[in-house]
Amino acid sequence: MAEKEKKVVKRPNAIARFYRETIGELRKVHWPTRQEAWHLTRIVLAVVVVMAIFLGSIDAIGAWLIGLALGV
């Protein structure tokens, strides 16, 4: 009878384990304050605008040079 009552070790559900580990990792994250988030957002927007102007200029100059080369 003792053999029938062996303790069965269940493997944890993969989805439940993933959820628990994700929550654990999110608790370790340093979340920025509202002021820090707004400051970083402004930096990102500024970099995006500068890069858009830079890449647009490179594209326009390249198109102009190709137009000169092809005589269009």
PDB file of N, CA and C in Angstrom:
ATOM      1  N   MET A   1       0.814  -1.188   0.000  1.00  0.00           N
ATOM      2  CA  MET A   1       0.000   0.000   0.000  1.00  0.00           C
ATOM      3  C   MET A   1       0.867   1.264   0.000  1.00  0.00           C
ATOM      4  N   ALA A   2       2.037   1.220   0.633  1.00  0.00           N
ATOM      5  CA  ALA A   2       2.910   2.391   0.726  1.00  0.00           C
ATOM      6  C   ALA A   2       3.417   2.797  -0.652  1.00  0.00           C
ATOM      7  N   GLU A   3       3.619   1.817  -1.520  1.00  0.00           N
ATOM      8  CA  GLU A   3       4.117   2.122  -2.848  1.00  0.00           C
ATOM      9  C   GLU A   3       3.087   2.881  -3.676  1.00  0.00           C
ATOM     10  N   LYS A   4       1.821   2.608  -3.456  1.00  0.00           N
ATOM     11  CA  LYS A   4       0.765   3.277  -4.211  1.00  0.00           C
ATOM     12  C   LYS A   4       0.629   4.737  -3.795  1.00  0.00           C
ATOM     13  N   GLU A   5       1.051   5.053  -2.588  1.00  0.00           N
ATOM     14  CA  GLU A   5       0.887   6.410  -2.074  1.00  0.00           C
ATOM     15  C   GLU A   5       2.137   7.256  -2.288  1.00  0.00           C
ATOM     16  N   LYS A   6       2.960   6.894  -3.252  1.00  0.00           N
ATOM     17  CA  LYS A   6       4.163   7.677  -3.523  1.00  0.00           C
ATOM     18  C   LYS A   6       3.768   9.091  -3.916  1.00  0.00           C
ATOM     19  N   LYS A   7       4.591  10.001  -3.472  1.00  0.00           N
ATOM     20  CA  LYS A   7       4.314  11.403  -3.769  1.00  0.00           C
ATOM     21  C   LYS A   7       4.603  11.670  -5.242  1.00  0.00           C
ATOM     22  N   VAL A   8       3.627  12.184  -5.943  1.00  0.00           N
ATOM     23  CA  VAL A   8       3.780  12.499  -7.357  1.00  0.00           C
ATOM     24  C   VAL A   8       4.195  13.961  -7.458  1.00  0.00           C
ATOM     25  N   VAL A   9       5.355  14.189  -8.058  1.00  0.00           N
ATOM     26  CA  VAL A   9       5.855  15.553  -8.223  1.00  0.00           C
ATOM     27  C   VAL A   9       5.351  16.073  -9.559  1.00  0.00           C
ATOM     28  N   LYS A  10       4.556  17.107  -9.496  1.00  0.00           N
ATOM     29  CA  LYS A  10       4.004  17.677 -10.716  1.00  0.00           C
ATOM     30  C   LYS A  10       4.945  18.756 -11.226  1.00  0.00           C
ATOM     31  N   ARG A  11       5.160  18.745 -12.512  1.00  0.00           N
ATOM     32  CA  ARG A  11       5.944  19.814 -13.120  1.00  0.00           C
ATOM     33  C   ARG A  11       5.053  21.044 -13.229  1.00  0.00           C
ATOM     34  N   PRO A  12       5.609  22.195 -12.938  1.00  0.00           N
ATOM     35  CA  PRO A  12       4.771  23.396 -13.022  1.00  0.00           C
ATOM     36  C   PRO A  12       4.356  23.674 -14.467  1.00  0.00           C
ATOM     37  N   ASN A  13       3.185  24.209 -14.586  1.00  0.00           N
ATOM     38  CA  ASN A  13       2.663  24.579 -15.889  1.00  0.00           C
ATOM     39  C   ASN A  13       3.586  25.632 -16.498  1.00  0.00           C
ATOM     40  N   ALA A  14       3.949  25.463 -17.764  1.00  0.00           N
ATOM     41  CA  ALA A  14       4.888  26.382 -18.408  1.00  0.00           C
ATOM     42  C   ALA A  14       4.328  27.798 -18.480  1.00  0.00           C
ATOM     43  N   ILE A  15       3.054  27.929 -18.724  1.00  0.00           N
ATOM     44  CA  ILE A  15       2.449  29.262 -18.826  1.00  0.00           C
ATOM     45  C   ILE A  15       2.439  29.936 -17.457  1.00  0.00           C
ATOM     46  N   ALA A  16       2.093  29.187 -16.419  1.00  0.00           N
ATOM     47  CA  ALA A  16       2.082  29.744 -15.066  1.00  0.00           C
ATOM     48  C   ALA A  16       3.496  30.139 -14.645  1.00  0.00           C
ATOM     49  N   ARG A  17       4.473  29.296 -14.963  1.00  0.00           N
ATOM     50  CA  ARG A  17       5.853  29.619 -14.632  1.00  0.00           C
ATOM     51  C   ARG A  17       6.313  30.869 -15.370  1.00  0.00           C
ATOM     52  N   PHE A  18       5.980  30.977 -16.648  1.00  0.00           N
ATOM     53  CA  PHE A  18       6.335  32.161 -17.440  1.00  0.00           C
ATOM     54  C   PHE A  18       5.730  33.412 -16.811  1.00  0.00           C
ATOM     55  N   TYR A  19       4.468  33.341 -16.416  1.00  0.00           N
ATOM     56  CA  TYR A  19       3.781  34.475 -15.800  1.00  0.00           C
ATOM     57  C   TYR A  19       4.470  34.876 -14.496  1.00  0.00           C
ATOM     58  N   ARG A  20       4.780  33.910 -13.639  1.00  0.00           N
ATOM     59  CA  ARG A  20       5.435  34.198 -12.364  1.00  0.00           C
ATOM     60  C   ARG A  20       6.810  34.823 -12.577  1.00  0.00           C
ATOM     61  N   GLU A  21       7.580  34.279 -13.519  1.00  0.00           N
ATOM     62  CA  GLU A  21       8.914  34.815 -13.780  1.00  0.00           C
ATOM     63  C   GLU A  21       8.838  36.215 -14.371  1.00  0.00           C
ATOM     64  N   THR A  22       7.853  36.448 -15.233  1.00  0.00           N
ATOM     65  CA  THR A  22       7.683  37.775 -15.827  1.00  0.00           C
ATOM     66  C   THR A  22       7.355  38.802 -14.758  1.00  0.00           C
ATOM     67  N   ILE A  23       6.440  38.481 -13.869  1.00  0.00           N
ATOM     68  CA  ILE A  23       6.081  39.394 -12.781  1.00  0.00           C
ATOM     69  C   ILE A  23       7.306  39.653 -11.906  1.00  0.00           C
ATOM     70  N   GLY A  24       8.072  38.627 -11.623  1.00  0.00           N
ATOM     71  CA  GLY A  24       9.285  38.784 -10.817  1.00  0.00           C
ATOM     72  C   GLY A  24      10.293  39.716 -11.472  1.00  0.00           C
ATOM     73  N   GLU A  25      10.461  39.592 -12.783  1.00  0.00           N
ATOM     74  CA  GLU A  25      11.395  40.466 -13.495  1.00  0.00           C
ATOM     75  C   GLU A  25      10.882  41.896 -13.548  1.00  0.00           C
ATOM     76  N   LEU A  26       9.575  42.072 -13.730  1.00  0.00           N
ATOM     77  CA  LEU A  26       9.018  43.425 -13.787  1.00  0.00           C
ATOM     78  C   LEU A  26       9.161  44.146 -12.452  1.00  0.00           C
ATOM     79  N   ARG A  27       9.204  43.403 -11.367  1.00  0.00           N
ATOM     80  CA  ARG A  27       9.396  44.034 -10.053  1.00  0.00           C
ATOM     81  C   ARG A  27      10.822  44.556  -9.898  1.00  0.00           C
ATOM     82  N   LYS A  28      11.760  44.014 -10.656  1.00  0.00           N
ATOM     83  CA  LYS A  28      13.154  44.447 -10.583  1.00  0.00           C
ATOM     84  C   LYS A  28      13.424  45.685 -11.437  1.00  0.00           C
ATOM     85  N   VAL A  29      12.505  46.029 -12.318  1.00  0.00           N
ATOM     86  CA  VAL A  29      12.710  47.132 -13.262  1.00  0.00           C
ATOM     87  C   VAL A  29      12.674  48.465 -12.526  1.00  0.00           C
ATOM     88  N   HIS A  30      13.601  49.352 -12.907  1.00  0.00           N
ATOM     89  CA  HIS A  30      13.574  50.724 -12.379  1.00  0.00           C
ATOM     90  C   HIS A  30      12.657  51.525 -13.292  1.00  0.00           C
ATOM     91  N   TRP A  31      11.463  51.812 -12.815  1.00  0.00           N
ATOM     92  CA  TRP A  31      10.510  52.562 -13.614  1.00  0.00           C
ATOM     93  C   TRP A  31      10.810  54.044 -13.469  1.00  0.00           C
ATOM     94  N   PRO A  32      10.889  54.786 -14.592  1.00  0.00           N
ATOM     95  CA  PRO A  32      11.190  56.213 -14.497  1.00  0.00           C
ATOM     96  C   PRO A  32      10.015  56.993 -13.916  1.00  0.00           C
ATOM     97  N   THR A  33      10.357  58.114 -13.306  1.00  0.00           N
ATOM     98  CA  THR A  33       9.311  59.005 -12.819  1.00  0.00           C
ATOM     99  C   THR A  33       8.668  59.687 -14.022  1.00  0.00           C
ATOM    100  N   ARG A  34       7.557  60.370 -13.794  1.00  0.00           N
ATOM    101  CA  ARG A  34       6.883  61.084 -14.888  1.00  0.00           C
ATOM    102  C   ARG A  34       7.825  62.127 -15.501  1.00  0.00           C
ATOM    103  N   GLN A  35       8.596  62.818 -14.657  1.00  0.00           N
ATOM    104  CA  GLN A  35       9.516  63.847 -15.142  1.00  0.00           C
ATOM    105  C   GLN A  35      10.633  63.217 -15.985  1.00  0.00           C
ATOM    106  N   GLU A  36      11.194  62.108 -15.511  1.00  0.00           N
ATOM    107  CA  GLU A  36      12.244  61.418 -16.280  1.00  0.00           C
ATOM    108  C   GLU A  36      11.698  60.922 -17.615  1.00  0.00           C
ATOM    109  N   ALA A  37      10.500  60.365 -17.611  1.00  0.00           N
ATOM    110  CA  ALA A  37       9.901  59.848 -18.845  1.00  0.00           C
ATOM    111  C   ALA A  37       9.679  60.981 -19.842  1.00  0.00           C
ATOM    112  N   TRP A  38       9.190  62.126 -19.376  1.00  0.00           N
ATOM    113  CA  TRP A  38       8.950  63.256 -20.277  1.00  0.00           C
ATOM    114  C   TRP A  38      10.267  63.781 -20.836  1.00  0.00           C
ATOM    115  N   HIS A  39      11.306  63.861 -20.003  1.00  0.00           N
ATOM    116  CA  HIS A  39      12.623  64.313 -20.446  1.00  0.00           C
ATOM    117  C   HIS A  39      13.178  63.374 -21.527  1.00  0.00           C
ATOM    118  N   LEU A  40      13.111  62.077 -21.285  1.00  0.00           N
ATOM    119  CA  LEU A  40      13.614  61.104 -22.260  1.00  0.00           C
ATOM    120  C   LEU A  40      12.785  61.116 -23.541  1.00  0.00           C
ATOM    121  N   THR A  41      11.482  61.344 -23.429  1.00  0.00           N
ATOM    122  CA  THR A  41      10.623  61.429 -24.612  1.00  0.00           C
ATOM    123  C   THR A  41      11.022  62.610 -25.478  1.00  0.00           C
ATOM    124  N   ARG A  42      11.305  63.747 -24.857  1.00  0.00           N
ATOM    125  CA  ARG A  42      11.740  64.928 -25.615  1.00  0.00           C
ATOM    126  C   ARG A  42      13.057  64.661 -26.328  1.00  0.00           C
ATOM    127  N   ILE A  43      13.976  63.956 -25.671  1.00  0.00           N
ATOM    128  CA  ILE A  43      15.260  63.621 -26.302  1.00  0.00           C
ATOM    129  C   ILE A  43      15.025  62.742 -27.526  1.00  0.00           C
ATOM    130  N   VAL A  44      14.183  61.737 -27.387  1.00  0.00           N
ATOM    131  CA  VAL A  44      13.896  60.832 -28.500  1.00  0.00           C
ATOM    132  C   VAL A  44      13.265  61.594 -29.661  1.00  0.00           C
ATOM    133  N   LEU A  45      12.301  62.457 -29.365  1.00  0.00           N
ATOM    134  CA  LEU A  45      11.658  63.234 -30.428  1.00  0.00           C
ATOM    135  C   LEU A  45      12.657  64.147 -31.133  1.00  0.00           C
ATOM    136  N   ALA A  46      13.545  64.773 -30.376  1.00  0.00           N
ATOM    137  CA  ALA A  46      14.559  65.643 -30.974  1.00  0.00           C
ATOM    138  C   ALA A  46      15.485  64.851 -31.890  1.00  0.00           C
ATOM    139  N   VAL A  47      15.923  63.683 -31.435  1.00  0.00           N
ATOM    140  CA  VAL A  47      16.816  62.851 -32.257  1.00  0.00           C
ATOM    141  C   VAL A  47      16.093  62.392 -33.522  1.00  0.00           C
ATOM    142  N   VAL A  48      14.819  62.037 -33.417  1.00  0.00           N
ATOM    143  CA  VAL A  48      14.051  61.605 -34.587  1.00  0.00           C
ATOM    144  C   VAL A  48      13.943  62.741 -35.604  1.00  0.00           C
ATOM    145  N   VAL A  49      13.677  63.949 -35.136  1.00  0.00           N
ATOM    146  CA  VAL A  49      13.551  65.092 -36.048  1.00  0.00           C
ATOM    147  C   VAL A  49      14.887  65.376 -36.723  1.00  0.00           C
ATOM    148  N   VAL A  50      15.970  65.385 -35.953  1.00  0.00           N
ATOM    149  CA  VAL A  50      17.300  65.648 -36.530  1.00  0.00           C
ATOM    150  C   VAL A  50      17.654  64.580 -37.552  1.00  0.00           C
ATOM    151  N   MET A  51      17.398  63.319 -37.238  1.00  0.00           N
ATOM    152  CA  MET A  51      17.714  62.244 -38.183  1.00  0.00           C
ATOM    153  C   MET A  51      16.848  62.326 -39.432  1.00  0.00           C
ATOM    154  N   ALA A  52      15.585  62.706 -39.277  1.00  0.00           N
ATOM    155  CA  ALA A  52      14.706  62.849 -40.447  1.00  0.00           C
ATOM    156  C   ALA A  52      15.228  63.945 -41.363  1.00  0.00           C
ATOM    157  N   ILE A  53      15.643  65.055 -40.782  1.00  0.00           N
ATOM    158  CA  ILE A  53      16.196  66.149 -41.593  1.00  0.00           C
ATOM    159  C   ILE A  53      17.488  65.697 -42.276  1.00  0.00           C
ATOM    160  N   PHE A  54      18.361  65.030 -41.526  1.00  0.00           N
ATOM    161  CA  PHE A  54      19.632  64.555 -42.083  1.00  0.00           C
ATOM    162  C   PHE A  54      19.402  63.563 -43.228  1.00  0.00           C
ATOM    163  N   LEU A  55      18.579  62.557 -42.999  1.00  0.00           N
ATOM    164  CA  LEU A  55      18.343  61.548 -44.040  1.00  0.00           C
ATOM    165  C   LEU A  55      17.591  62.133 -45.231  1.00  0.00           C
ATOM    166  N   GLY A  56      16.658  63.055 -44.984  1.00  0.00           N
ATOM    167  CA  GLY A  56      15.964  63.720 -46.086  1.00  0.00           C
ATOM    168  C   GLY A  56      16.920  64.533 -46.936  1.00  0.00           C
ATOM    169  N   SER A  57      17.872  65.198 -46.272  1.00  0.00           N
ATOM    170  CA  SER A  57      18.880  65.978 -47.001  1.00  0.00           C
ATOM    171  C   SER A  57      19.773  65.076 -47.844  1.00  0.00           C
ATOM    172  N   ILE A  58      20.223  63.987 -47.256  1.00  0.00           N
ATOM    173  CA  ILE A  58      21.063  63.031 -48.002  1.00  0.00           C
ATOM    174  C   ILE A  58      20.297  62.494 -49.207  1.00  0.00           C
ATOM    175  N   ASP A  59      19.024  62.177 -49.022  1.00  0.00           N
ATOM    176  CA  ASP A  59      18.195  61.670 -50.112  1.00  0.00           C
ATOM    177  C   ASP A  59      18.036  62.721 -51.207  1.00  0.00           C
ATOM    178  N   ALA A  60      17.770  63.959 -50.823  1.00  0.00           N
ATOM    179  CA  ALA A  60      17.586  65.031 -51.808  1.00  0.00           C
ATOM    180  C   ALA A  60      18.875  65.293 -52.580  1.00  0.00           C
ATOM    181  N   ILE A  61      20.007  65.300 -51.876  1.00  0.00           N
ATOM    182  CA  ILE A  61      21.298  65.514 -52.550  1.00  0.00           C
ATOM    183  C   ILE A  61      21.595  64.358 -53.484  1.00  0.00           C
ATOM    184  N   GLY A  62      21.331  63.133 -53.038  1.00  0.00           N
ATOM    185  CA  GLY A  62      21.555  61.966 -53.898  1.00  0.00           C
ATOM    186  C   GLY A  62      20.677  62.002 -55.139  1.00  0.00           C
ATOM    187  N   ALA A  63      19.422  62.364 -54.962  1.00  0.00           N
ATOM    188  CA  ALA A  63      18.521  62.458 -56.116  1.00  0.00           C
ATOM    189  C   ALA A  63      18.982  63.538 -57.083  1.00  0.00           C
ATOM    190  N   TRP A  64      19.437  64.656 -56.536  1.00  0.00           N
ATOM    191  CA  TRP A  64      19.922  65.753 -57.390  1.00  0.00           C
ATOM    192  C   TRP A  64      21.176  65.314 -58.162  1.00  0.00           C
ATOM    193  N   LEU A  65      22.112  64.617 -57.489  1.00  0.00           N
ATOM    194  CA  LEU A  65      23.328  64.136 -58.161  1.00  0.00           C
ATOM    195  C   LEU A  65      23.006  63.112 -59.245  1.00  0.00           C
ATOM    196  N   ILE A  66      22.079  62.216 -58.967  1.00  0.00           N
ATOM    197  CA  ILE A  66      21.688  61.227 -59.984  1.00  0.00           C
ATOM    198  C   ILE A  66      21.009  61.928 -61.141  1.00  0.00           C
ATOM    199  N   GLY A  67      20.200  62.935 -60.862  1.00  0.00           N
ATOM    200  CA  GLY A  67      19.565  63.710 -61.928  1.00  0.00           C
ATOM    201  C   GLY A  67      20.593  64.399 -62.803  1.00  0.00           C
ATOM    202  N   LEU A  68      21.650  64.948 -62.180  1.00  0.00           N
ATOM    203  CA  LEU A  68      22.726  65.575 -62.956  1.00  0.00           C
ATOM    204  C   LEU A  68      23.452  64.536 -63.808  1.00  0.00           C
ATOM    205  N   ALA A  69      23.735  63.374 -63.218  1.00  0.00           N
ATOM    206  CA  ALA A  69      24.476  62.328 -63.924  1.00  0.00           C
ATOM    207  C   ALA A  69      23.679  61.798 -65.101  1.00  0.00           C
ATOM    208  N   LEU A  70      22.372  61.681 -64.965  1.00  0.00           N
ATOM    209  CA  LEU A  70      21.540  61.147 -66.047  1.00  0.00           C
ATOM    210  C   LEU A  70      21.065  62.222 -66.993  1.00  0.00           C
ATOM    211  N   GLY A  71      21.287  63.476 -66.663  1.00  0.00           N
ATOM    212  CA  GLY A  71      20.885  64.580 -67.528  1.00  0.00           C
ATOM    213  C   GLY A  71      19.377  64.807 -67.523  1.00  0.00           C
ATOM    214  N   VAL A  72      18.750  64.517 -66.421  1.00  0.00           N
ATOM    215  CA  VAL A  72      17.290  64.694 -66.349  1.00  0.00           C
ATOM    216  C   VAL A  72      16.963  66.068 -65.849  1.00  0.00           C
TER     217      VAL A  72
END
